[in-house]
Protein backbone atom coordinates (compact mmCIF):
# COMPACT_ATOMS: atom_id res chain seq x y z
CA MET A 1 145.48 51.74 92.97
CA GLY A 2 146.73 54.52 95.20
CA ALA A 3 149.05 54.13 98.17
CA LEU A 4 146.20 54.99 100.54
CA THR A 5 143.89 52.23 99.31
CA ILE A 6 142.92 49.80 102.04
CA ARG A 7 140.75 46.67 102.11
CA VAL A 8 138.83 45.45 105.13
CA HIS A 9 137.05 42.22 105.92
CA LEU A 10 133.85 42.76 107.90
CA LEU A 11 131.60 40.27 109.66
CA ILE A 12 128.28 41.85 110.63
CA ARG A 13 126.10 40.26 113.29
CA GLY A 14 122.50 41.15 114.09
CA ARG A 15 119.26 41.14 112.14
CA VAL A 16 120.98 41.57 108.77
CA GLN A 17 119.52 38.80 106.61
CA GLY A 18 116.10 38.97 104.97
CA VAL A 19 115.86 42.76 105.41
CA GLY A 20 117.58 44.07 102.25
CA TYR A 21 120.91 44.64 103.99
CA ARG A 22 123.04 43.37 101.07
CA TRP A 23 121.34 45.78 98.67
CA PHE A 24 121.74 48.58 101.21
CA ALA A 25 125.47 47.76 101.44
CA ARG A 26 125.81 47.71 97.63
CA ASP A 27 124.10 51.10 97.30
CA ALA A 28 126.21 52.61 100.10
CA ALA A 29 129.38 51.27 98.46
CA ALA A 30 128.36 52.71 95.07
CA GLY A 31 127.75 56.12 96.62
CA LEU A 32 131.18 56.15 98.24
CA GLY A 33 133.23 54.55 95.47
CA VAL A 34 133.93 51.40 97.49
CA ALA A 35 134.76 48.13 95.71
CA GLY A 36 134.41 44.57 97.00
CA PHE A 37 131.51 42.27 97.80
CA VAL A 38 128.77 41.41 100.27
CA ARG A 39 127.22 38.01 100.96
CA ASN A 40 125.11 36.20 103.51
CA LEU A 41 126.73 33.50 105.62
CA PRO A 42 124.93 30.33 106.74
CA ASP A 43 125.19 31.36 110.42
CA GLY A 44 123.08 34.52 109.89
CA ARG A 45 125.93 37.00 109.63
CA VAL A 46 126.78 39.11 106.58
CA GLU A 47 130.33 39.12 105.23
CA ILE A 48 131.74 42.14 103.41
CA GLU A 49 135.09 42.93 101.86
CA ALA A 50 135.44 46.63 101.12
CA GLU A 51 138.26 48.40 99.29
CA ALA A 52 138.81 52.14 98.77
CA GLY A 53 140.66 55.04 100.31
CA SER A 54 140.71 54.98 104.10
CA ALA A 55 138.21 57.86 104.43
CA ALA A 56 135.71 56.18 102.08
CA VAL A 57 136.03 52.85 103.92
CA ALA A 58 135.49 54.61 107.26
CA SER A 59 132.34 56.31 105.91
CA PHE A 60 131.11 52.99 104.50
CA VAL A 61 131.54 51.23 107.86
CA ARG A 62 129.66 54.08 109.59
CA GLU A 63 126.75 53.64 107.14
CA LEU A 64 126.78 49.88 107.70
CA LYS A 65 126.41 50.42 111.46
CA THR A 66 123.34 52.60 110.88
CA GLY A 67 121.78 50.03 108.57
CA LEU A 68 118.17 50.01 107.47
CA PRO A 69 114.98 50.58 109.47
CA PHE A 70 114.26 46.82 109.57
CA ALA A 71 117.88 45.80 110.20
CA ARG A 72 119.72 45.72 113.50
CA VAL A 73 123.53 45.69 113.63
CA ASP A 74 124.81 44.25 116.90
CA GLU A 75 128.48 43.95 116.02
CA ILE A 76 130.92 44.56 113.17
CA ALA A 77 134.16 42.59 113.43
CA ARG A 78 136.80 44.28 111.27
CA SER A 79 140.20 43.15 110.05
CA GLU A 80 142.52 44.67 107.46
CA ILE A 81 143.47 42.54 104.46
CA ALA A 82 145.54 43.13 101.31
CA PRO A 83 143.88 45.23 98.59
CA LYS A 84 142.95 43.33 95.41
CA GLY A 85 142.56 46.28 93.04
CA GLU A 86 138.87 45.64 92.38
CA LYS A 87 136.73 48.37 90.84
CA ASP A 88 133.17 47.06 91.43
CA PHE A 89 131.07 46.10 94.42
CA GLU A 90 128.98 42.95 94.00
CA ILE A 91 126.35 40.97 95.84
CA HIS A 92 127.39 37.30 96.03
């Protein structure tokens, strides 16, 4: 794990459940080398933890804002958390 590795916790609000958003996030993470996870929350939001270099995380968050044609992202709440050294990105 390099010194520039960061991990962020994201809460995404909008029309992000039932539209393939978790699979979209997994594919975007794979393309950028981002580790972590994505899962639906009972309140309709999607929760993501993403870990990689700061540039890759920034690109990942930009892709998440764009979303899918059937999705709508209204807000992404972001906070920095401690990296865990994960290597894979999973759907929970």
